[in-house]
Amino acid sequence: DKGQLTYGTAATFMPFEYVKAGKLTGFDIDLINALSKEIQLTPAPMPMEFKGLIPALQGKRLDIINSAMYVNPTRAEQVDFVPYLKIGSRVVVRKGNPANITGRDLSLCGKNIAVTLGGIEESQARADNQRCVEAKKPAINVMTFPAATDSAVAVAQGRADAEFLSTPGTVALFTEKAGMFEAV
């Protein structure tokens, strides 16, 4: 629409974009609101699952994607990016680390690892699995979920041994669910 900046967001990735008390919030939401004001447009969010963001942009349902999306070669062939932030990721386990995971190493072999479907963490888990296979160790069971919050629930319930999560997401999870998780 004229006068609007329609953006797609997968509002499940704290602290970047998430819903709190029924309202979109987070770093990316603040950023798009400031950008919209600067270019004199009204921000018009279109919440959707992460996997639908690129198809929605390609189908001209969106003006832009405003969701913490890692730049990789496959995505860069499909859409243009404006990199604005560089972050790392962590391996998050239940408090006490019952599966004895030591990091992104062979201690992951044979374990259930929760990741966000289509996120960089899924690529990382699949690469780690390949290292396990090459070392003739048991394969990693890469469990994909629509959102990082779903991955955290799987870890908390013991269905997954660990979750791969961005460093800022890890801090947000530790704040939100104090004492339930630790990073290795």
N, C-alpha and C. Protein backbone atom coordinates (compact mmCIF):
# COMPACT_ATOMS: atom_id res chain seq x y z
N ASP A 1 0.84 -1.19 0.00
CA ASP A 1 0.00 0.00 0.00
C ASP A 1 0.87 1.24 0.00
N LYS A 2 0.35 2.28 -0.63
CA LYS A 2 1.06 3.55 -0.66
C LYS A 2 1.10 4.13 0.76
N GLY A 3 2.23 4.62 1.15
CA GLY A 3 2.38 5.20 2.48
C GLY A 3 2.75 4.20 3.55
N GLN A 4 2.85 2.92 3.19
CA GLN A 4 3.20 1.89 4.16
C GLN A 4 4.48 1.17 3.74
N LEU A 5 5.19 0.69 4.73
CA LEU A 5 6.34 -0.18 4.52
C LEU A 5 5.94 -1.55 5.07
N THR A 6 5.54 -2.44 4.18
CA THR A 6 5.08 -3.77 4.59
C THR A 6 6.30 -4.68 4.75
N TYR A 7 6.45 -5.20 5.96
CA TYR A 7 7.61 -6.05 6.23
C TYR A 7 7.17 -7.39 6.82
N GLY A 8 7.92 -8.42 6.43
CA GLY A 8 7.69 -9.74 6.98
C GLY A 8 8.59 -9.98 8.17
N THR A 9 8.02 -10.60 9.18
CA THR A 9 8.79 -10.91 10.37
C THR A 9 8.35 -12.24 10.95
N ALA A 10 9.31 -13.03 11.39
CA ALA A 10 9.05 -14.26 12.13
C ALA A 10 9.31 -13.91 13.58
N ALA A 11 8.31 -13.42 14.25
CA ALA A 11 8.46 -12.81 15.58
C ALA A 11 8.60 -13.85 16.69
N THR A 12 9.63 -14.68 16.56
CA THR A 12 9.86 -15.74 17.55
C THR A 12 11.32 -15.78 17.99
N PHE A 13 12.06 -14.72 17.73
CA PHE A 13 13.50 -14.76 17.93
C PHE A 13 13.94 -13.63 18.86
N MET A 14 13.72 -13.84 20.14
CA MET A 14 14.12 -12.88 21.15
C MET A 14 15.65 -12.76 21.16
N PRO A 15 16.25 -11.62 21.26
CA PRO A 15 15.68 -10.29 21.50
C PRO A 15 15.44 -9.47 20.23
N PHE A 16 15.50 -10.10 19.07
CA PHE A 16 15.39 -9.35 17.81
C PHE A 16 13.95 -9.02 17.43
N GLU A 17 13.11 -10.04 17.37
CA GLU A 17 11.70 -9.81 17.09
C GLU A 17 10.90 -10.91 17.78
N TYR A 18 9.97 -10.45 18.61
CA TYR A 18 9.13 -11.39 19.35
C TYR A 18 7.88 -10.65 19.81
N VAL A 19 6.94 -11.42 20.33
CA VAL A 19 5.69 -10.83 20.81
C VAL A 19 5.72 -10.85 22.33
N LYS A 20 5.44 -9.69 22.91
CA LYS A 20 5.37 -9.56 24.37
C LYS A 20 4.09 -8.82 24.70
N ALA A 21 3.27 -9.42 25.52
CA ALA A 21 1.97 -8.84 25.89
C ALA A 21 1.16 -8.48 24.64
N GLY A 22 1.21 -9.36 23.63
CA GLY A 22 0.43 -9.17 22.42
C GLY A 22 0.97 -8.14 21.44
N LYS A 23 2.17 -7.63 21.71
CA LYS A 23 2.74 -6.56 20.87
C LYS A 23 4.10 -6.98 20.33
N LEU A 24 4.33 -6.70 19.02
CA LEU A 24 5.65 -6.94 18.43
C LEU A 24 6.68 -6.06 19.12
N THR A 25 7.81 -6.64 19.46
CA THR A 25 8.86 -5.88 20.12
C THR A 25 10.22 -6.47 19.76
N GLY A 26 11.27 -5.79 20.14
CA GLY A 26 12.63 -6.27 19.93
C GLY A 26 13.46 -5.30 19.11
N PHE A 27 14.75 -5.62 19.00
CA PHE A 27 15.71 -4.77 18.31
C PHE A 27 15.29 -4.48 16.87
N ASP A 28 14.95 -5.54 16.11
CA ASP A 28 14.58 -5.34 14.70
C ASP A 28 13.29 -4.53 14.57
N ILE A 29 12.37 -4.70 15.49
CA ILE A 29 11.11 -3.93 15.44
C ILE A 29 11.40 -2.46 15.70
N ASP A 30 12.25 -2.17 16.70
CA ASP A 30 12.64 -0.78 16.95
C ASP A 30 13.35 -0.19 15.73
N LEU A 31 14.20 -0.98 15.09
CA LEU A 31 14.94 -0.52 13.92
C LEU A 31 14.00 -0.19 12.77
N ILE A 32 13.03 -1.05 12.48
CA ILE A 32 12.12 -0.80 11.35
C ILE A 32 11.20 0.38 11.65
N ASN A 33 10.82 0.54 12.91
CA ASN A 33 10.00 1.70 13.27
C ASN A 33 10.76 3.00 13.05
N ALA A 34 12.04 3.02 13.42
CA ALA A 34 12.87 4.22 13.21
C ALA A 34 13.10 4.47 11.72
N LEU A 35 13.36 3.42 10.96
CA LEU A 35 13.56 3.55 9.51
C LEU A 35 12.29 4.07 8.84
N SER A 36 11.15 3.51 9.21
CA SER A 36 9.87 3.94 8.62
C SER A 36 9.62 5.41 8.88
N LYS A 37 9.90 5.84 10.10
CA LYS A 37 9.71 7.25 10.45
C LYS A 37 10.62 8.13 9.60
N GLU A 38 11.87 7.70 9.43
CA GLU A 38 12.85 8.47 8.66
C GLU A 38 12.42 8.64 7.20
N ILE A 39 11.83 7.60 6.62
CA ILE A 39 11.41 7.68 5.21
C ILE A 39 9.92 8.01 5.07
N GLN A 40 9.32 8.39 6.19
CA GLN A 40 7.93 8.87 6.24
C GLN A 40 6.92 7.85 5.71
N LEU A 41 7.07 6.62 6.17
CA LEU A 41 6.11 5.56 5.87
C LEU A 41 5.62 4.95 7.18
N THR A 42 4.46 4.35 7.13
CA THR A 42 3.91 3.67 8.30
C THR A 42 4.33 2.21 8.25
N PRO A 43 4.97 1.71 9.33
CA PRO A 43 5.36 0.31 9.32
C PRO A 43 4.13 -0.60 9.38
N ALA A 44 4.11 -1.60 8.50
CA ALA A 44 2.99 -2.55 8.44
C ALA A 44 3.54 -3.97 8.53
N PRO A 45 3.58 -4.53 9.74
CA PRO A 45 4.15 -5.86 9.90
C PRO A 45 3.24 -6.95 9.33
N MET A 46 3.87 -7.99 8.79
CA MET A 46 3.16 -9.17 8.33
C MET A 46 3.85 -10.37 8.98
N PRO A 47 3.37 -10.78 10.16
CA PRO A 47 3.99 -11.92 10.84
C PRO A 47 3.78 -13.22 10.07
N MET A 48 4.81 -14.06 10.06
CA MET A 48 4.74 -15.36 9.38
C MET A 48 5.85 -16.25 9.88
N GLU A 49 5.80 -17.53 9.50
CA GLU A 49 6.89 -18.44 9.84
C GLU A 49 8.14 -18.04 9.07
N PHE A 50 9.28 -18.30 9.68
CA PHE A 50 10.57 -17.94 9.08
C PHE A 50 10.71 -18.47 7.66
N LYS A 51 10.30 -19.72 7.44
CA LYS A 51 10.48 -20.34 6.13
C LYS A 51 9.66 -19.67 5.04
N GLY A 52 8.66 -18.85 5.40
CA GLY A 52 7.83 -18.17 4.42
C GLY A 52 8.30 -16.78 4.04
N LEU A 53 9.33 -16.27 4.70
CA LEU A 53 9.77 -14.89 4.47
C LEU A 53 10.27 -14.65 3.05
N ILE A 54 11.20 -15.44 2.59
CA ILE A 54 11.75 -15.22 1.24
C ILE A 54 10.69 -15.43 0.17
N PRO A 55 9.89 -16.50 0.22
CA PRO A 55 8.82 -16.64 -0.79
C PRO A 55 7.83 -15.47 -0.78
N ALA A 56 7.52 -14.92 0.39
CA ALA A 56 6.60 -13.78 0.46
C ALA A 56 7.21 -12.54 -0.19
N LEU A 57 8.52 -12.33 0.02
CA LEU A 57 9.19 -11.19 -0.62
C LEU A 57 9.25 -11.40 -2.13
N GLN A 58 9.60 -12.60 -2.55
CA GLN A 58 9.66 -12.89 -3.98
C GLN A 58 8.29 -12.76 -4.64
N GLY A 59 7.24 -13.08 -3.90
CA GLY A 59 5.87 -12.97 -4.41
C GLY A 59 5.29 -11.57 -4.31
N LYS A 60 6.11 -10.61 -3.89
CA LYS A 60 5.74 -9.20 -3.80
C LYS A 60 4.63 -8.93 -2.78
N ARG A 61 4.52 -9.80 -1.77
CA ARG A 61 3.59 -9.56 -0.67
C ARG A 61 4.23 -8.64 0.37
N LEU A 62 5.56 -8.48 0.29
CA LEU A 62 6.32 -7.67 1.24
C LEU A 62 7.18 -6.68 0.48
N ASP A 63 7.48 -5.56 1.17
CA ASP A 63 8.48 -4.63 0.65
C ASP A 63 9.87 -5.07 1.09
N ILE A 64 9.96 -5.56 2.32
CA ILE A 64 11.24 -6.01 2.88
C ILE A 64 11.00 -7.13 3.88
N ILE A 65 12.08 -7.82 4.22
CA ILE A 65 12.08 -8.78 5.33
C ILE A 65 12.76 -8.09 6.49
N ASN A 66 12.12 -8.13 7.64
CA ASN A 66 12.69 -7.55 8.86
C ASN A 66 12.68 -8.64 9.93
N SER A 67 13.62 -9.56 9.80
CA SER A 67 13.69 -10.69 10.70
C SER A 67 15.15 -11.12 10.73
N ALA A 68 15.66 -11.43 11.89
CA ALA A 68 17.07 -11.80 12.02
C ALA A 68 17.38 -12.96 11.08
N MET A 69 17.89 -12.64 9.91
CA MET A 69 18.16 -13.64 8.88
C MET A 69 19.64 -13.63 8.54
N TYR A 70 20.27 -14.76 8.75
CA TYR A 70 21.68 -14.93 8.45
C TYR A 70 21.89 -14.88 6.94
N VAL A 71 22.91 -14.17 6.51
CA VAL A 71 23.23 -14.09 5.09
C VAL A 71 24.05 -15.32 4.71
N ASN A 72 23.53 -16.09 3.75
CA ASN A 72 24.31 -17.21 3.22
C ASN A 72 24.19 -17.20 1.69
N PRO A 73 25.06 -17.92 1.00
CA PRO A 73 25.07 -17.87 -0.47
C PRO A 73 23.73 -18.24 -1.11
N THR A 74 23.05 -19.25 -0.59
CA THR A 74 21.77 -19.67 -1.17
C THR A 74 20.75 -18.55 -1.08
N ARG A 75 20.64 -17.94 0.09
CA ARG A 75 19.69 -16.84 0.26
C ARG A 75 20.09 -15.63 -0.57
N ALA A 76 21.40 -15.36 -0.64
CA ALA A 76 21.88 -14.19 -1.38
C ALA A 76 21.61 -14.32 -2.88
N GLU A 77 21.42 -15.53 -3.38
CA GLU A 77 21.03 -15.72 -4.78
C GLU A 77 19.56 -15.37 -4.99
N GLN A 78 18.77 -15.39 -3.92
CA GLN A 78 17.33 -15.18 -4.01
C GLN A 78 16.90 -13.75 -3.70
N VAL A 79 17.58 -13.12 -2.75
CA VAL A 79 17.21 -11.77 -2.31
C VAL A 79 18.46 -10.96 -2.01
N ASP A 80 18.31 -9.64 -1.97
CA ASP A 80 19.41 -8.76 -1.59
C ASP A 80 19.40 -8.56 -0.08
N PHE A 81 20.56 -8.39 0.50
CA PHE A 81 20.70 -8.19 1.94
C PHE A 81 21.34 -6.85 2.25
N VAL A 82 21.03 -6.33 3.42
CA VAL A 82 21.72 -5.19 4.00
C VAL A 82 22.23 -5.67 5.37
N PRO A 83 23.47 -6.20 5.42
CA PRO A 83 23.99 -6.67 6.70
C PRO A 83 24.14 -5.51 7.68
N TYR A 84 23.68 -5.71 8.90
CA TYR A 84 23.73 -4.64 9.89
C TYR A 84 24.19 -5.11 11.26
N LEU A 85 24.44 -6.41 11.41
CA LEU A 85 24.80 -6.93 12.71
C LEU A 85 25.55 -8.24 12.53
N LYS A 86 26.56 -8.45 13.35
CA LYS A 86 27.32 -9.70 13.32
C LYS A 86 27.24 -10.32 14.71
N ILE A 87 26.74 -11.56 14.77
CA ILE A 87 26.59 -12.23 16.07
C ILE A 87 27.13 -13.65 15.98
N GLY A 88 27.34 -14.26 17.13
CA GLY A 88 27.78 -15.64 17.21
C GLY A 88 26.64 -16.53 17.67
N SER A 89 26.96 -17.80 17.91
CA SER A 89 25.94 -18.71 18.42
C SER A 89 26.54 -19.57 19.53
N ARG A 90 25.64 -20.17 20.31
CA ARG A 90 26.04 -20.97 21.47
C ARG A 90 25.33 -22.32 21.44
N VAL A 91 25.88 -23.26 22.18
CA VAL A 91 25.22 -24.54 22.41
C VAL A 91 24.60 -24.44 23.80
N VAL A 92 23.28 -24.58 23.86
CA VAL A 92 22.53 -24.44 25.11
C VAL A 92 22.03 -25.82 25.54
N VAL A 93 22.25 -26.16 26.80
CA VAL A 93 21.82 -27.44 27.36
C VAL A 93 21.01 -27.20 28.63
N ARG A 94 20.33 -28.26 29.10
CA ARG A 94 19.63 -28.15 30.39
C ARG A 94 20.66 -27.97 31.50
N LYS A 95 20.24 -27.27 32.53
CA LYS A 95 21.10 -27.06 33.70
C LYS A 95 21.66 -28.41 34.16
N GLY A 96 22.95 -28.46 34.40
CA GLY A 96 23.60 -29.69 34.83
C GLY A 96 24.18 -30.50 33.68
N ASN A 97 23.80 -30.14 32.45
CA ASN A 97 24.34 -30.76 31.24
C ASN A 97 24.29 -32.29 31.30
N PRO A 98 23.08 -32.88 31.44
CA PRO A 98 22.97 -34.33 31.60
C PRO A 98 23.54 -35.15 30.44
N ALA A 99 23.65 -34.59 29.24
CA ALA A 99 24.19 -35.33 28.10
C ALA A 99 25.70 -35.15 27.94
N ASN A 100 26.32 -34.39 28.85
CA ASN A 100 27.78 -34.17 28.84
C ASN A 100 28.30 -33.62 27.51
N ILE A 101 27.62 -32.64 26.99
CA ILE A 101 28.04 -31.99 25.75
C ILE A 101 29.08 -30.93 26.09
N THR A 102 30.14 -30.87 25.31
CA THR A 102 31.23 -29.94 25.60
C THR A 102 31.33 -28.79 24.60
N GLY A 103 30.48 -28.77 23.58
CA GLY A 103 30.50 -27.70 22.58
C GLY A 103 30.17 -28.25 21.21
N ARG A 104 30.50 -27.49 20.18
CA ARG A 104 30.28 -27.95 18.80
C ARG A 104 31.44 -28.84 18.40
N ASP A 105 31.43 -30.04 18.96
CA ASP A 105 32.50 -31.00 18.76
C ASP A 105 31.90 -32.40 18.69
N LEU A 106 32.74 -33.41 18.78
CA LEU A 106 32.26 -34.79 18.66
C LEU A 106 31.41 -35.24 19.84
N SER A 107 31.32 -34.44 20.90
CA SER A 107 30.42 -34.79 22.01
C SER A 107 28.95 -34.69 21.59
N LEU A 108 28.69 -34.07 20.43
CA LEU A 108 27.32 -33.97 19.90
C LEU A 108 26.88 -35.24 19.19
N CYS A 109 27.83 -36.08 18.81
CA CYS A 109 27.52 -37.29 18.03
C CYS A 109 26.55 -38.18 18.81
N GLY A 110 25.51 -38.62 18.11
CA GLY A 110 24.49 -39.47 18.71
C GLY A 110 23.47 -38.74 19.56
N LYS A 111 23.56 -37.42 19.61
CA LYS A 111 22.65 -36.63 20.44
C LYS A 111 21.53 -36.02 19.61
N ASN A 112 20.48 -35.59 20.30
CA ASN A 112 19.35 -34.87 19.69
C ASN A 112 19.61 -33.38 19.83
N ILE A 113 19.74 -32.68 18.70
CA ILE A 113 20.05 -31.25 18.71
C ILE A 113 18.89 -30.49 18.09
N ALA A 114 18.34 -29.55 18.84
CA ALA A 114 17.19 -28.74 18.41
C ALA A 114 17.67 -27.46 17.75
N VAL A 115 17.07 -27.14 16.61
CA VAL A 115 17.42 -25.92 15.86
C VAL A 115 16.16 -25.34 15.23
N THR A 116 16.25 -24.06 14.85
CA THR A 116 15.16 -23.42 14.12
C THR A 116 15.24 -23.82 12.66
N LEU A 117 14.12 -24.29 12.12
CA LEU A 117 14.05 -24.72 10.73
C LEU A 117 14.48 -23.58 9.80
N GLY A 118 15.49 -23.85 8.98
CA GLY A 118 15.94 -22.86 8.01
C GLY A 118 16.93 -21.85 8.55
N GLY A 119 17.19 -21.87 9.84
CA GLY A 119 18.13 -20.91 10.44
C GLY A 119 19.57 -21.37 10.26
N ILE A 120 20.50 -20.48 10.51
CA ILE A 120 21.93 -20.80 10.40
C ILE A 120 22.30 -21.95 11.32
N GLU A 121 21.62 -22.03 12.45
CA GLU A 121 21.92 -23.10 13.40
C GLU A 121 21.62 -24.47 12.80
N GLU A 122 20.60 -24.56 11.91
CA GLU A 122 20.34 -25.84 11.25
C GLU A 122 21.53 -26.23 10.37
N SER A 123 22.06 -25.27 9.62
CA SER A 123 23.24 -25.54 8.78
C SER A 123 24.42 -25.98 9.63
N GLN A 124 24.60 -25.32 10.77
CA GLN A 124 25.71 -25.67 11.66
C GLN A 124 25.55 -27.09 12.19
N ALA A 125 24.34 -27.45 12.60
CA ALA A 125 24.09 -28.79 13.14
C ALA A 125 24.32 -29.86 12.07
N ARG A 126 23.91 -29.57 10.85
CA ARG A 126 24.11 -30.54 9.76
C ARG A 126 25.60 -30.69 9.42
N ALA A 127 26.35 -29.59 9.50
CA ALA A 127 27.81 -29.67 9.29
C ALA A 127 28.46 -30.47 10.42
N ASP A 128 28.02 -30.26 11.66
CA ASP A 128 28.55 -31.02 12.79
C ASP A 128 28.22 -32.50 12.63
N ASN A 129 27.01 -32.80 12.13
CA ASN A 129 26.63 -34.19 11.89
C ASN A 129 27.57 -34.83 10.86
N GLN A 130 27.91 -34.10 9.83
CA GLN A 130 28.81 -34.62 8.80
C GLN A 130 30.17 -34.98 9.42
N ARG A 131 30.64 -34.15 10.35
CA ARG A 131 31.91 -34.44 11.04
C ARG A 131 31.79 -35.74 11.86
N CYS A 132 30.63 -35.93 12.50
CA CYS A 132 30.41 -37.17 13.26
C CYS A 132 30.47 -38.38 12.33
N VAL A 133 29.77 -38.30 11.21
CA VAL A 133 29.74 -39.40 10.24
C VAL A 133 31.14 -39.70 9.72
N GLU A 134 31.89 -38.64 9.38
CA GLU A 134 33.26 -38.82 8.88
C GLU A 134 34.17 -39.45 9.94
N ALA A 135 33.88 -39.18 11.22
CA ALA A 135 34.67 -39.75 12.31
C ALA A 135 34.16 -41.13 12.71
N LYS A 136 33.17 -41.64 11.95
CA LYS A 136 32.57 -42.95 12.21
C LYS A 136 31.93 -43.02 13.60
N LYS A 137 31.33 -41.91 14.00
CA LYS A 137 30.59 -41.80 15.26
C LYS A 137 29.10 -41.83 14.94
N PRO A 138 28.25 -42.04 15.94
CA PRO A 138 26.80 -42.01 15.69
C PRO A 138 26.37 -40.63 15.17
N ALA A 139 25.39 -40.64 14.28
CA ALA A 139 24.89 -39.40 13.68
C ALA A 139 24.17 -38.54 14.71
N ILE A 140 24.17 -37.25 14.46
CA ILE A 140 23.36 -36.30 15.24
C ILE A 140 21.94 -36.37 14.71
N ASN A 141 20.97 -36.38 15.60
CA ASN A 141 19.57 -36.26 15.19
C ASN A 141 19.25 -34.76 15.22
N VAL A 142 19.22 -34.13 14.04
CA VAL A 142 18.92 -32.70 13.95
C VAL A 142 17.41 -32.54 13.98
N MET A 143 16.91 -31.95 15.05
CA MET A 143 15.47 -31.75 15.25
C MET A 143 15.13 -30.31 14.88
N THR A 144 14.30 -30.11 13.86
CA THR A 144 13.96 -28.75 13.44
C THR A 144 12.62 -28.34 14.04
N PHE A 145 12.56 -27.07 14.44
CA PHE A 145 11.36 -26.49 15.03
C PHE A 145 11.09 -25.14 14.37
N PRO A 146 9.82 -24.70 14.38
CA PRO A 146 9.49 -23.42 13.74
C PRO A 146 10.14 -22.22 14.42
N ALA A 147 10.43 -22.32 15.71
CA ALA A 147 10.96 -21.17 16.46
C ALA A 147 11.95 -21.62 17.52
N ALA A 148 12.85 -20.71 17.89
CA ALA A 148 13.84 -20.99 18.93
C ALA A 148 13.17 -21.33 20.25
N THR A 149 12.01 -20.72 20.52
CA THR A 149 11.29 -21.01 21.76
C THR A 149 10.86 -22.47 21.79
N ASP A 150 10.47 -23.02 20.64
CA ASP A 150 10.09 -24.44 20.57
C ASP A 150 11.29 -25.33 20.82
N SER A 151 12.45 -24.93 20.31
CA SER A 151 13.68 -25.69 20.55
C SER A 151 14.01 -25.70 22.04
N ALA A 152 13.84 -24.56 22.69
CA ALA A 152 14.12 -24.46 24.12
C ALA A 152 13.19 -25.36 24.93
N VAL A 153 11.93 -25.43 24.53
CA VAL A 153 10.97 -26.32 25.21
C VAL A 153 11.43 -27.77 25.07
N ALA A 154 11.88 -28.16 23.87
CA ALA A 154 12.36 -29.53 23.64
C ALA A 154 13.54 -29.86 24.56
N VAL A 155 14.44 -28.91 24.74
CA VAL A 155 15.58 -29.12 25.64
C VAL A 155 15.10 -29.20 27.08
N ALA A 156 14.24 -28.29 27.49
CA ALA A 156 13.73 -28.27 28.87
C ALA A 156 13.01 -29.57 29.21
N GLN A 157 12.29 -30.14 28.24
CA GLN A 157 11.53 -31.37 28.47
C GLN A 157 12.38 -32.63 28.32
N GLY A 158 13.64 -32.48 27.89
CA GLY A 158 14.51 -33.63 27.72
C GLY A 158 14.34 -34.35 26.39
N ARG A 159 13.53 -33.81 25.48
CA ARG A 159 13.37 -34.41 24.15
C ARG A 159 14.59 -34.13 23.28
N ALA A 160 15.27 -33.02 23.55
CA ALA A 160 16.51 -32.67 22.86
C ALA A 160 17.60 -32.52 23.91
N ASP A 161 18.82 -32.88 23.53
CA ASP A 161 19.95 -32.76 24.46
C ASP A 161 20.53 -31.36 24.48
N ALA A 162 20.37 -30.62 23.38
CA ALA A 162 20.93 -29.28 23.27
C ALA A 162 20.19 -28.51 22.19
N GLU A 163 20.37 -27.20 22.25
CA GLU A 163 19.84 -26.29 21.23
C GLU A 163 20.98 -25.43 20.75
N PHE A 164 21.06 -25.19 19.45
CA PHE A 164 21.98 -24.19 18.92
C PHE A 164 21.20 -22.89 18.85
N LEU A 165 21.76 -21.82 19.42
CA LEU A 165 21.04 -20.55 19.54
C LEU A 165 22.03 -19.40 19.41
N SER A 166 21.56 -18.28 18.85
CA SER A 166 22.42 -17.10 18.74
C SER A 166 22.84 -16.65 20.14
N THR A 167 23.98 -15.96 20.20
CA THR A 167 24.44 -15.45 21.49
C THR A 167 23.42 -14.50 22.11
N PRO A 168 22.86 -13.51 21.37
CA PRO A 168 21.83 -12.67 21.98
C PRO A 168 20.59 -13.46 22.38
N GLY A 169 20.22 -14.46 21.58
CA GLY A 169 19.08 -15.30 21.92
C GLY A 169 19.33 -16.10 23.18
N THR A 170 20.58 -16.53 23.37
CA THR A 170 20.97 -17.26 24.57
C THR A 170 20.82 -16.38 25.80
N VAL A 171 21.29 -15.15 25.71
CA VAL A 171 21.16 -14.21 26.83
C VAL A 171 19.68 -13.98 27.15
N ALA A 172 18.87 -13.78 26.12
CA ALA A 172 17.43 -13.57 26.34
C ALA A 172 16.79 -14.80 26.98
N LEU A 173 17.15 -16.00 26.52
CA LEU A 173 16.60 -17.23 27.10
C LEU A 173 17.00 -17.36 28.56
N PHE A 174 18.26 -17.09 28.88
CA PHE A 174 18.72 -17.19 30.26
C PHE A 174 18.02 -16.18 31.16
N THR A 175 17.68 -15.02 30.61
CA THR A 175 16.96 -14.00 31.37
C THR A 175 15.51 -14.44 31.60
N GLU A 176 14.89 -14.94 30.54
CA GLU A 176 13.48 -15.34 30.58
C GLU A 176 13.27 -16.60 31.42
N LYS A 177 14.20 -17.54 31.34
CA LYS A 177 14.07 -18.84 32.02
C LYS A 177 15.28 -19.07 32.93
N ALA A 178 15.49 -18.15 33.84
CA ALA A 178 16.67 -18.18 34.72
C ALA A 178 16.80 -19.53 35.44
N GLY A 179 18.02 -20.07 35.40
CA GLY A 179 18.34 -21.29 36.13
C GLY A 179 17.97 -22.59 35.44
N MET A 180 17.33 -22.54 34.27
CA MET A 180 16.91 -23.76 33.58
C MET A 180 17.95 -24.30 32.60
N PHE A 181 18.80 -23.40 32.10
CA PHE A 181 19.72 -23.76 31.02
C PHE A 181 21.13 -23.28 31.33
N GLU A 182 22.09 -23.81 30.57
CA GLU A 182 23.45 -23.30 30.60
C GLU A 182 24.05 -23.43 29.21
N ALA A 183 25.08 -22.66 28.94
CA ALA A 183 25.78 -22.72 27.65
C ALA A 183 27.08 -23.48 27.83
N VAL A 184 27.44 -24.26 26.80
CA VAL A 184 28.71 -25.00 26.85
C VAL A 184 29.57 -24.60 25.67
